[in-house]
Amino acid sequence: MLKLSQGEFVTVSKLEAAYGGHPSVRQIFVYGNSARSYVLAVVVPTDDALALSRRGRRRGQALLSDALQSIAREADLQSYEIPRDFIVETRPFTLENGLLTGIRKLARPQLKEYYGPELEQLYVDHDRRQADVLRTLRQDGANRPVLETVSRAAGALLGAPPPMRRPTPSSPISVETRCRR
């Protein structure tokens, strides 16, 4: 169990069990720390999901992101229990590489040591992207449509991707949100 920056307690083993039950997820390590308000993950996809991801990195990321979102909806998870981003690991966690214990549970200290720097960099990258979006909105948000500006600000603060503008049959332009990886 870990406590996030806003005081939420997260039972990572519960999340790992829920996400690990998806047909596209072979193994998952959920990571977080008390300085952050959301979790990240390392996902080992199944062979089928990995084959699809070989057709394109974005396609594989989207497939796994959709899998995590689907499980989160089914399990009625809170937003802070959904990994905001993740690393795709093609090699399973095993006894041989030291990432599983003798009873085949995740070796958390070893996983944290092995993936920690890369996961912490994901946090830094998210912070930088958020600051960039907010800075841009402060500079030219007054010249943009209100809905777009508010959507982008909310997305940046909540960790959602920037809205995409797409034409729809009923109107020339609508604002939709892209799937986040």
N, C-alpha and C. Protein backbone atom coordinates (compact mmCIF):
# COMPACT_ATOMS: atom_id res chain seq x y z
N MET A 1 0.85 -1.16 0.00
CA MET A 1 0.00 0.00 0.00
C MET A 1 0.90 1.23 0.00
N LEU A 2 0.45 2.25 -0.73
CA LEU A 2 1.20 3.49 -0.74
C LEU A 2 0.24 4.66 -0.61
N LYS A 3 0.78 5.78 -0.14
CA LYS A 3 -0.01 6.99 0.04
C LYS A 3 0.45 8.01 -0.98
N LEU A 4 -0.49 8.54 -1.74
CA LEU A 4 -0.17 9.54 -2.75
C LEU A 4 -0.17 10.93 -2.12
N SER A 5 0.27 11.91 -2.88
CA SER A 5 0.48 13.26 -2.35
C SER A 5 -0.78 13.94 -1.82
N GLN A 6 -1.93 13.54 -2.31
CA GLN A 6 -3.16 14.18 -1.84
C GLN A 6 -3.85 13.37 -0.75
N GLY A 7 -3.12 12.39 -0.20
CA GLY A 7 -3.61 11.63 0.94
C GLY A 7 -4.34 10.35 0.60
N GLU A 8 -4.51 10.03 -0.68
CA GLU A 8 -5.19 8.80 -1.06
C GLU A 8 -4.28 7.60 -0.81
N PHE A 9 -4.87 6.54 -0.27
CA PHE A 9 -4.14 5.30 -0.09
C PHE A 9 -4.46 4.39 -1.26
N VAL A 10 -3.44 3.80 -1.84
CA VAL A 10 -3.59 2.94 -3.00
C VAL A 10 -3.04 1.56 -2.66
N THR A 11 -3.87 0.56 -2.84
CA THR A 11 -3.44 -0.83 -2.63
C THR A 11 -2.95 -1.34 -3.97
N VAL A 12 -1.64 -1.29 -4.17
CA VAL A 12 -1.09 -1.63 -5.49
C VAL A 12 -1.32 -3.09 -5.84
N SER A 13 -1.30 -3.98 -4.87
CA SER A 13 -1.53 -5.40 -5.18
C SER A 13 -2.94 -5.61 -5.72
N LYS A 14 -3.91 -4.86 -5.21
CA LYS A 14 -5.29 -4.94 -5.72
C LYS A 14 -5.34 -4.47 -7.16
N LEU A 15 -4.65 -3.36 -7.45
CA LEU A 15 -4.62 -2.83 -8.81
C LEU A 15 -3.92 -3.80 -9.76
N GLU A 16 -2.80 -4.34 -9.31
CA GLU A 16 -2.05 -5.28 -10.16
C GLU A 16 -2.88 -6.52 -10.45
N ALA A 17 -3.65 -6.99 -9.47
CA ALA A 17 -4.51 -8.15 -9.70
C ALA A 17 -5.61 -7.81 -10.71
N ALA A 18 -6.20 -6.64 -10.57
CA ALA A 18 -7.27 -6.23 -11.50
C ALA A 18 -6.71 -6.07 -12.91
N TYR A 19 -5.65 -5.29 -13.07
CA TYR A 19 -5.10 -5.04 -14.40
C TYR A 19 -4.50 -6.31 -15.01
N GLY A 20 -3.89 -7.15 -14.17
CA GLY A 20 -3.26 -8.38 -14.66
C GLY A 20 -4.26 -9.39 -15.18
N GLY A 21 -5.55 -9.20 -14.88
CA GLY A 21 -6.58 -10.10 -15.38
C GLY A 21 -7.02 -9.83 -16.80
N HIS A 22 -6.52 -8.75 -17.39
CA HIS A 22 -6.91 -8.44 -18.77
C HIS A 22 -6.16 -9.34 -19.75
N PRO A 23 -6.80 -9.79 -20.82
CA PRO A 23 -6.16 -10.68 -21.78
C PRO A 23 -4.92 -10.10 -22.47
N SER A 24 -4.74 -8.80 -22.45
CA SER A 24 -3.57 -8.19 -23.09
C SER A 24 -2.40 -7.98 -22.13
N VAL A 25 -2.64 -8.19 -20.84
CA VAL A 25 -1.61 -7.90 -19.83
C VAL A 25 -1.12 -9.20 -19.21
N ARG A 26 0.16 -9.50 -19.42
CA ARG A 26 0.75 -10.69 -18.80
C ARG A 26 1.13 -10.38 -17.36
N GLN A 27 1.83 -9.26 -17.16
CA GLN A 27 2.26 -8.84 -15.82
C GLN A 27 2.22 -7.32 -15.76
N ILE A 28 2.07 -6.80 -14.54
CA ILE A 28 2.08 -5.35 -14.36
C ILE A 28 2.65 -5.02 -12.99
N PHE A 29 3.45 -3.97 -12.95
CA PHE A 29 4.00 -3.43 -11.72
C PHE A 29 3.50 -2.00 -11.62
N VAL A 30 2.69 -1.71 -10.61
CA VAL A 30 2.15 -0.36 -10.40
C VAL A 30 3.09 0.37 -9.45
N TYR A 31 3.42 1.61 -9.83
CA TYR A 31 4.42 2.39 -9.10
C TYR A 31 3.87 3.76 -8.74
N GLY A 32 4.20 4.21 -7.57
CA GLY A 32 3.82 5.56 -7.17
C GLY A 32 4.66 5.98 -5.98
N ASN A 33 4.57 7.24 -5.63
CA ASN A 33 5.25 7.72 -4.44
C ASN A 33 4.46 8.85 -3.80
N SER A 34 4.80 9.18 -2.58
CA SER A 34 4.03 10.15 -1.81
C SER A 34 4.19 11.58 -2.30
N ALA A 35 5.09 11.81 -3.23
CA ALA A 35 5.28 13.16 -3.79
C ALA A 35 4.39 13.39 -5.01
N ARG A 36 3.67 12.36 -5.46
CA ARG A 36 2.86 12.44 -6.68
C ARG A 36 1.41 12.09 -6.40
N SER A 37 0.52 12.61 -7.24
CA SER A 37 -0.91 12.39 -7.03
C SER A 37 -1.49 11.29 -7.93
N TYR A 38 -0.64 10.60 -8.65
CA TYR A 38 -1.10 9.54 -9.54
C TYR A 38 -0.04 8.46 -9.63
N VAL A 39 -0.43 7.31 -10.19
CA VAL A 39 0.50 6.18 -10.31
C VAL A 39 0.92 6.01 -11.77
N LEU A 40 2.02 5.29 -11.92
CA LEU A 40 2.54 4.87 -13.22
C LEU A 40 2.64 3.35 -13.19
N ALA A 41 3.07 2.75 -14.28
CA ALA A 41 3.17 1.29 -14.29
C ALA A 41 4.23 0.81 -15.27
N VAL A 42 4.65 -0.42 -15.07
CA VAL A 42 5.43 -1.17 -16.06
C VAL A 42 4.53 -2.32 -16.48
N VAL A 43 4.25 -2.42 -17.76
CA VAL A 43 3.32 -3.44 -18.28
C VAL A 43 4.09 -4.41 -19.17
N VAL A 44 3.94 -5.69 -18.88
CA VAL A 44 4.46 -6.75 -19.76
C VAL A 44 3.25 -7.29 -20.51
N PRO A 45 3.16 -7.01 -21.81
CA PRO A 45 2.00 -7.48 -22.57
C PRO A 45 2.06 -8.98 -22.85
N THR A 46 0.91 -9.55 -23.15
CA THR A 46 0.86 -10.95 -23.58
C THR A 46 1.50 -11.05 -24.97
N ASP A 47 1.76 -12.26 -25.40
CA ASP A 47 2.37 -12.45 -26.72
C ASP A 47 1.49 -11.88 -27.83
N ASP A 48 0.16 -12.06 -27.71
CA ASP A 48 -0.75 -11.52 -28.72
C ASP A 48 -0.70 -9.99 -28.76
N ALA A 49 -0.72 -9.37 -27.59
CA ALA A 49 -0.65 -7.90 -27.53
C ALA A 49 0.70 -7.42 -28.04
N LEU A 50 1.73 -8.16 -27.73
CA LEU A 50 3.07 -7.79 -28.19
C LEU A 50 3.16 -7.89 -29.71
N ALA A 51 2.54 -8.90 -30.30
CA ALA A 51 2.53 -9.04 -31.76
C ALA A 51 1.84 -7.84 -32.40
N LEU A 52 0.73 -7.40 -31.82
CA LEU A 52 0.04 -6.22 -32.33
C LEU A 52 0.90 -4.97 -32.18
N SER A 53 1.61 -4.87 -31.07
CA SER A 53 2.42 -3.67 -30.85
C SER A 53 3.62 -3.62 -31.79
N ARG A 54 4.04 -4.76 -32.29
CA ARG A 54 5.16 -4.76 -33.24
C ARG A 54 4.77 -4.12 -34.56
N ARG A 55 3.47 -4.05 -34.81
CA ARG A 55 3.00 -3.39 -36.03
C ARG A 55 3.13 -1.87 -35.93
N GLY A 56 3.32 -1.40 -34.72
CA GLY A 56 3.49 0.03 -34.50
C GLY A 56 3.46 0.33 -33.02
N ARG A 57 4.46 1.07 -32.54
CA ARG A 57 4.57 1.37 -31.11
C ARG A 57 3.31 2.05 -30.59
N ARG A 58 2.80 3.00 -31.36
CA ARG A 58 1.59 3.72 -30.95
C ARG A 58 0.41 2.78 -30.82
N ARG A 59 0.29 1.83 -31.75
CA ARG A 59 -0.82 0.89 -31.71
C ARG A 59 -0.73 0.03 -30.45
N GLY A 60 0.46 -0.43 -30.11
CA GLY A 60 0.66 -1.24 -28.91
C GLY A 60 0.36 -0.45 -27.65
N GLN A 61 0.84 0.78 -27.59
CA GLN A 61 0.56 1.64 -26.44
C GLN A 61 -0.94 1.87 -26.31
N ALA A 62 -1.60 2.15 -27.42
CA ALA A 62 -3.04 2.41 -27.39
C ALA A 62 -3.80 1.16 -26.95
N LEU A 63 -3.41 -0.01 -27.43
CA LEU A 63 -4.05 -1.26 -27.04
C LEU A 63 -3.96 -1.46 -25.53
N LEU A 64 -2.76 -1.27 -24.99
CA LEU A 64 -2.57 -1.47 -23.56
C LEU A 64 -3.27 -0.38 -22.74
N SER A 65 -3.25 0.84 -23.25
CA SER A 65 -3.95 1.92 -22.57
C SER A 65 -5.45 1.63 -22.52
N ASP A 66 -5.99 1.19 -23.63
CA ASP A 66 -7.41 0.82 -23.67
C ASP A 66 -7.71 -0.32 -22.69
N ALA A 67 -6.79 -1.27 -22.60
CA ALA A 67 -6.97 -2.39 -21.67
C ALA A 67 -7.03 -1.89 -20.23
N LEU A 68 -6.11 -1.00 -19.86
CA LEU A 68 -6.09 -0.46 -18.50
C LEU A 68 -7.34 0.35 -18.22
N GLN A 69 -7.76 1.17 -19.18
CA GLN A 69 -8.97 1.98 -19.01
C GLN A 69 -10.21 1.08 -18.87
N SER A 70 -10.27 0.03 -19.65
CA SER A 70 -11.40 -0.91 -19.61
C SER A 70 -11.50 -1.56 -18.24
N ILE A 71 -10.39 -2.05 -17.74
CA ILE A 71 -10.38 -2.68 -16.41
C ILE A 71 -10.76 -1.66 -15.34
N ALA A 72 -10.24 -0.44 -15.46
CA ALA A 72 -10.56 0.60 -14.48
C ALA A 72 -12.06 0.88 -14.43
N ARG A 73 -12.69 0.93 -15.60
CA ARG A 73 -14.14 1.14 -15.64
C ARG A 73 -14.89 -0.04 -15.01
N GLU A 74 -14.51 -1.26 -15.41
CA GLU A 74 -15.18 -2.45 -14.89
C GLU A 74 -15.02 -2.58 -13.38
N ALA A 75 -13.84 -2.25 -12.87
CA ALA A 75 -13.56 -2.38 -11.43
C ALA A 75 -13.96 -1.14 -10.65
N ASP A 76 -14.51 -0.13 -11.34
CA ASP A 76 -14.93 1.12 -10.72
C ASP A 76 -13.79 1.76 -9.91
N LEU A 77 -12.62 1.83 -10.55
CA LEU A 77 -11.44 2.40 -9.89
C LEU A 77 -11.49 3.93 -9.92
N GLN A 78 -10.83 4.53 -8.96
CA GLN A 78 -10.72 5.98 -8.90
C GLN A 78 -9.67 6.44 -9.92
N SER A 79 -9.73 7.70 -10.32
CA SER A 79 -8.81 8.22 -11.33
C SER A 79 -7.35 8.09 -10.90
N TYR A 80 -7.07 8.25 -9.61
CA TYR A 80 -5.69 8.16 -9.14
C TYR A 80 -5.19 6.71 -9.09
N GLU A 81 -6.08 5.73 -9.31
CA GLU A 81 -5.68 4.33 -9.34
C GLU A 81 -5.39 3.84 -10.76
N ILE A 82 -5.56 4.72 -11.73
CA ILE A 82 -5.32 4.37 -13.13
C ILE A 82 -3.96 4.91 -13.52
N PRO A 83 -3.04 4.05 -13.96
CA PRO A 83 -1.73 4.55 -14.36
C PRO A 83 -1.86 5.63 -15.44
N ARG A 84 -1.27 6.78 -15.17
CA ARG A 84 -1.35 7.89 -16.12
C ARG A 84 -0.44 7.63 -17.31
N ASP A 85 0.60 6.88 -17.11
CA ASP A 85 1.50 6.49 -18.20
C ASP A 85 2.16 5.18 -17.78
N PHE A 86 2.82 4.52 -18.72
CA PHE A 86 3.45 3.25 -18.40
C PHE A 86 4.59 2.95 -19.36
N ILE A 87 5.44 2.07 -18.89
CA ILE A 87 6.55 1.54 -19.69
C ILE A 87 6.10 0.17 -20.20
N VAL A 88 6.32 -0.10 -21.47
CA VAL A 88 6.04 -1.42 -22.02
C VAL A 88 7.34 -2.21 -21.95
N GLU A 89 7.30 -3.31 -21.21
CA GLU A 89 8.46 -4.19 -21.05
C GLU A 89 8.19 -5.47 -21.82
N THR A 90 9.07 -5.81 -22.74
CA THR A 90 8.85 -7.01 -23.55
C THR A 90 9.34 -8.28 -22.87
N ARG A 91 10.21 -8.14 -21.87
CA ARG A 91 10.70 -9.32 -21.14
C ARG A 91 9.90 -9.50 -19.87
N PRO A 92 9.35 -10.70 -19.64
CA PRO A 92 8.57 -10.93 -18.42
C PRO A 92 9.43 -10.83 -17.16
N PHE A 93 8.78 -10.56 -16.04
CA PHE A 93 9.44 -10.59 -14.74
C PHE A 93 9.60 -12.06 -14.38
N THR A 94 10.82 -12.49 -14.07
CA THR A 94 11.07 -13.90 -13.77
C THR A 94 11.96 -14.04 -12.54
N LEU A 95 12.07 -15.28 -12.07
CA LEU A 95 13.01 -15.59 -11.00
C LEU A 95 14.44 -15.33 -11.47
N GLU A 96 14.70 -15.69 -12.73
CA GLU A 96 16.04 -15.59 -13.29
C GLU A 96 16.53 -14.14 -13.36
N ASN A 97 15.63 -13.21 -13.72
CA ASN A 97 16.10 -11.82 -13.79
C ASN A 97 15.91 -11.09 -12.46
N GLY A 98 15.46 -11.84 -11.43
CA GLY A 98 15.37 -11.30 -10.08
C GLY A 98 14.17 -10.40 -9.83
N LEU A 99 13.23 -10.37 -10.76
CA LEU A 99 12.08 -9.48 -10.59
C LEU A 99 10.85 -10.19 -10.03
N LEU A 100 10.97 -11.51 -9.78
CA LEU A 100 9.96 -12.27 -9.06
C LEU A 100 10.62 -12.94 -7.87
N THR A 101 9.84 -13.14 -6.80
CA THR A 101 10.36 -13.83 -5.63
C THR A 101 10.22 -15.34 -5.82
N GLY A 102 10.72 -16.10 -4.87
CA GLY A 102 10.64 -17.56 -4.93
C GLY A 102 9.21 -18.08 -4.96
N ILE A 103 8.27 -17.29 -4.45
CA ILE A 103 6.87 -17.72 -4.49
C ILE A 103 6.12 -17.05 -5.65
N ARG A 104 6.87 -16.55 -6.59
CA ARG A 104 6.35 -15.97 -7.84
C ARG A 104 5.53 -14.69 -7.64
N LYS A 105 5.88 -13.93 -6.61
CA LYS A 105 5.28 -12.61 -6.43
C LYS A 105 6.26 -11.57 -6.94
N LEU A 106 5.75 -10.38 -7.23
CA LEU A 106 6.63 -9.31 -7.69
C LEU A 106 7.66 -8.96 -6.62
N ALA A 107 8.90 -8.87 -7.03
CA ALA A 107 9.99 -8.47 -6.12
C ALA A 107 10.05 -6.94 -6.15
N ARG A 108 9.21 -6.30 -5.34
CA ARG A 108 9.05 -4.84 -5.39
C ARG A 108 10.34 -4.05 -5.24
N PRO A 109 11.18 -4.38 -4.27
CA PRO A 109 12.42 -3.59 -4.16
C PRO A 109 13.29 -3.66 -5.42
N GLN A 110 13.37 -4.84 -6.02
CA GLN A 110 14.16 -5.00 -7.24
C GLN A 110 13.50 -4.29 -8.42
N LEU A 111 12.17 -4.38 -8.52
CA LEU A 111 11.46 -3.69 -9.59
C LEU A 111 11.63 -2.18 -9.45
N LYS A 112 11.53 -1.69 -8.23
CA LYS A 112 11.70 -0.26 -7.99
C LYS A 112 13.13 0.19 -8.33
N GLU A 113 14.10 -0.62 -7.96
CA GLU A 113 15.49 -0.28 -8.27
C GLU A 113 15.73 -0.31 -9.78
N TYR A 114 15.20 -1.32 -10.46
CA TYR A 114 15.43 -1.49 -11.89
C TYR A 114 14.70 -0.44 -12.72
N TYR A 115 13.41 -0.22 -12.42
CA TYR A 115 12.59 0.68 -13.24
C TYR A 115 12.42 2.08 -12.64
N GLY A 116 12.79 2.24 -11.37
CA GLY A 116 12.57 3.51 -10.69
C GLY A 116 13.06 4.74 -11.42
N PRO A 117 14.31 4.76 -11.88
CA PRO A 117 14.79 5.97 -12.58
C PRO A 117 13.96 6.30 -13.83
N GLU A 118 13.58 5.30 -14.60
CA GLU A 118 12.79 5.54 -15.81
C GLU A 118 11.37 6.00 -15.46
N LEU A 119 10.80 5.43 -14.41
CA LEU A 119 9.47 5.85 -13.97
C LEU A 119 9.50 7.28 -13.42
N GLU A 120 10.53 7.59 -12.66
CA GLU A 120 10.66 8.96 -12.15
C GLU A 120 10.82 9.95 -13.30
N GLN A 121 11.50 9.53 -14.37
CA GLN A 121 11.64 10.40 -15.54
C GLN A 121 10.28 10.62 -16.21
N LEU A 122 9.42 9.61 -16.19
CA LEU A 122 8.06 9.80 -16.72
C LEU A 122 7.32 10.88 -15.93
N TYR A 123 7.49 10.87 -14.60
CA TYR A 123 6.89 11.93 -13.78
C TYR A 123 7.42 13.30 -14.20
N VAL A 124 8.72 13.40 -14.38
CA VAL A 124 9.34 14.67 -14.78
C VAL A 124 8.81 15.11 -16.15
N ASP A 125 8.71 14.18 -17.08
CA ASP A 125 8.20 14.49 -18.42
C ASP A 125 6.76 14.98 -18.35
N HIS A 126 5.94 14.35 -17.51
CA HIS A 126 4.55 14.79 -17.36
C HIS A 126 4.48 16.20 -16.78
N ASP A 127 5.32 16.46 -15.79
CA ASP A 127 5.35 17.81 -15.20
C ASP A 127 5.73 18.85 -16.24
N ARG A 128 6.71 18.52 -17.05
CA ARG A 128 7.18 19.46 -18.08
C ARG A 128 6.09 19.72 -19.12
N ARG A 129 5.43 18.65 -19.57
CA ARG A 129 4.35 18.82 -20.55
C ARG A 129 3.21 19.66 -19.97
N GLN A 130 2.88 19.41 -18.71
CA GLN A 130 1.82 20.17 -18.07
C GLN A 130 2.19 21.65 -17.99
N ALA A 131 3.42 21.94 -17.58
CA ALA A 131 3.87 23.33 -17.49
C ALA A 131 3.88 23.99 -18.87
N ASP A 132 4.28 23.26 -19.90
CA ASP A 132 4.29 23.81 -21.26
C ASP A 132 2.89 24.17 -21.73
N VAL A 133 1.93 23.28 -21.49
CA VAL A 133 0.55 23.55 -21.91
C VAL A 133 0.00 24.76 -21.18
N LEU A 134 0.21 24.82 -19.87
CA LEU A 134 -0.31 25.95 -19.09
C LEU A 134 0.35 27.26 -19.49
N ARG A 135 1.65 27.21 -19.77
CA ARG A 135 2.36 28.41 -20.21
C ARG A 135 1.79 28.91 -21.55
N THR A 136 1.57 28.00 -22.47
CA THR A 136 1.00 28.35 -23.77
C THR A 136 -0.40 28.94 -23.61
N LEU A 137 -1.19 28.34 -22.74
CA LEU A 137 -2.54 28.86 -22.51
C LEU A 137 -2.52 30.26 -21.90
N ARG A 138 -1.58 30.52 -21.01
CA ARG A 138 -1.47 31.86 -20.43
C ARG A 138 -1.08 32.88 -21.50
N GLN A 139 -0.24 32.44 -22.44
CA GLN A 139 0.24 33.36 -23.47
C GLN A 139 -0.81 33.66 -24.53
N ASP A 140 -1.52 32.64 -24.99
CA ASP A 140 -2.45 32.91 -26.09
C ASP A 140 -3.86 32.34 -25.88
N GLY A 141 -4.19 31.93 -24.67
CA GLY A 141 -5.51 31.37 -24.40
C GLY A 141 -6.64 32.35 -24.66
N ALA A 142 -6.39 33.63 -24.46
CA ALA A 142 -7.44 34.63 -24.68
C ALA A 142 -7.83 34.73 -26.15
N ASN A 143 -6.96 34.28 -27.03
CA ASN A 143 -7.23 34.35 -28.47
C ASN A 143 -7.85 33.07 -29.02
N ARG A 144 -8.10 32.10 -28.15
CA ARG A 144 -8.65 30.80 -28.57
C ARG A 144 -10.09 30.68 -28.07
N PRO A 145 -10.86 29.75 -28.62
CA PRO A 145 -12.22 29.52 -28.12
C PRO A 145 -12.17 29.10 -26.64
N VAL A 146 -13.14 29.56 -25.88
CA VAL A 146 -13.17 29.30 -24.44
C VAL A 146 -13.20 27.79 -24.15
N LEU A 147 -14.05 27.06 -24.85
CA LEU A 147 -14.16 25.63 -24.61
C LEU A 147 -12.82 24.94 -24.82
N GLU A 148 -12.13 25.30 -25.87
CA GLU A 148 -10.82 24.71 -26.14
C GLU A 148 -9.83 25.06 -25.03
N THR A 149 -9.80 26.31 -24.61
CA THR A 149 -8.86 26.74 -23.57
C THR A 149 -9.14 26.03 -22.26
N VAL A 150 -10.39 25.98 -21.86
CA VAL A 150 -10.75 25.32 -20.61
C VAL A 150 -10.47 23.82 -20.69
N SER A 151 -10.79 23.20 -21.82
CA SER A 151 -10.53 21.77 -21.99
C SER A 151 -9.04 21.47 -21.90
N ARG A 152 -8.26 22.28 -22.54
CA ARG A 152 -6.80 22.06 -22.50
C ARG A 152 -6.24 22.27 -21.11
N ALA A 153 -6.71 23.29 -20.40
CA ALA A 153 -6.24 23.54 -19.04
C ALA A 153 -6.63 22.39 -18.12
N ALA A 154 -7.89 21.96 -18.20
CA ALA A 154 -8.35 20.85 -17.37
C ALA A 154 -7.57 19.58 -17.70
N GLY A 155 -7.37 19.33 -18.99
CA GLY A 155 -6.60 18.16 -19.40
C GLY A 155 -5.18 18.18 -18.87
N ALA A 156 -4.55 19.33 -18.92
CA ALA A 156 -3.18 19.45 -18.42
C ALA A 156 -3.13 19.20 -16.92
N LEU A 157 -4.07 19.76 -16.20
CA LEU A 157 -4.07 19.62 -14.74
C LEU A 157 -4.47 18.22 -14.29
N LEU A 158 -5.32 17.56 -15.07
CA LEU A 158 -5.80 16.23 -14.69
C LEU A 158 -5.02 15.10 -15.36
N GLY A 159 -4.08 15.46 -16.22
CA GLY A 159 -3.27 14.45 -16.87
C GLY A 159 -3.88 13.86 -18.12
N ALA A 160 -4.90 14.50 -18.65
CA ALA A 160 -5.52 14.03 -19.89
C ALA A 160 -4.77 14.60 -21.07
N PRO A 161 -4.87 13.97 -22.23
CA PRO A 161 -4.21 14.50 -23.41
C PRO A 161 -4.91 15.76 -23.89
N PRO A 162 -4.23 16.55 -24.71
CA PRO A 162 -4.87 17.74 -25.25
C PRO A 162 -6.02 17.35 -26.16
N PRO A 163 -7.05 18.18 -26.22
CA PRO A 163 -8.19 17.85 -27.07
C PRO A 163 -7.80 17.87 -28.55
N MET A 164 -8.49 17.03 -29.32
CA MET A 164 -8.30 17.03 -30.76
C MET A 164 -9.50 17.70 -31.38
N ARG A 165 -9.27 18.40 -32.45
CA ARG A 165 -10.38 19.02 -33.17
C ARG A 165 -10.67 18.17 -34.38
N ARG A 166 -11.94 17.71 -34.48
CA ARG A 166 -12.36 16.89 -35.61
C ARG A 166 -13.72 17.35 -36.09
N PRO A 167 -13.91 17.38 -37.40
CA PRO A 167 -15.24 17.70 -37.90
C PRO A 167 -16.22 16.57 -37.60
N THR A 168 -17.48 16.92 -37.32
CA THR A 168 -18.53 15.92 -37.14
C THR A 168 -19.66 16.27 -38.09
N PRO A 169 -20.55 15.33 -38.35
CA PRO A 169 -21.65 15.62 -39.28
C PRO A 169 -22.53 16.77 -38.81
N SER A 170 -22.72 16.93 -37.49
CA SER A 170 -23.65 17.94 -37.00
C SER A 170 -23.05 19.34 -36.88
N SER A 171 -21.74 19.41 -36.84
CA SER A 171 -21.12 20.73 -36.72
C SER A 171 -19.78 20.73 -37.44
N PRO A 172 -19.30 21.91 -37.82
CA PRO A 172 -18.04 21.94 -38.55
C PRO A 172 -16.85 21.48 -37.72
N ILE A 173 -16.86 21.78 -36.41
CA ILE A 173 -15.73 21.38 -35.57
C ILE A 173 -16.25 21.04 -34.19
N SER A 174 -15.73 19.94 -33.62
CA SER A 174 -16.05 19.61 -32.24
C SER A 174 -14.75 19.28 -31.52
N VAL A 175 -14.79 19.36 -30.22
CA VAL A 175 -13.60 19.05 -29.42
C VAL A 175 -13.79 17.67 -28.81
N GLU A 176 -12.85 16.78 -29.08
CA GLU A 176 -12.88 15.43 -28.51
C GLU A 176 -11.56 15.18 -27.81
N THR A 177 -11.55 14.24 -26.90
CA THR A 177 -10.34 13.91 -26.19
C THR A 177 -9.77 12.62 -26.75
N ARG A 178 -8.48 12.63 -27.00
CA ARG A 178 -7.81 11.43 -27.48
C ARG A 178 -7.59 10.46 -26.33
N CYS A 179 -7.43 9.18 -26.67
CA CYS A 179 -7.05 8.18 -25.67
C CYS A 179 -5.63 8.47 -25.23
N ARG A 180 -5.41 8.33 -23.96
CA ARG A 180 -4.09 8.56 -23.39
C ARG A 180 -3.40 7.22 -23.28
N ARG A 181 -2.12 7.23 -23.54
CA ARG A 181 -1.40 5.98 -23.37
C ARG A 181 -1.00 5.78 -21.95
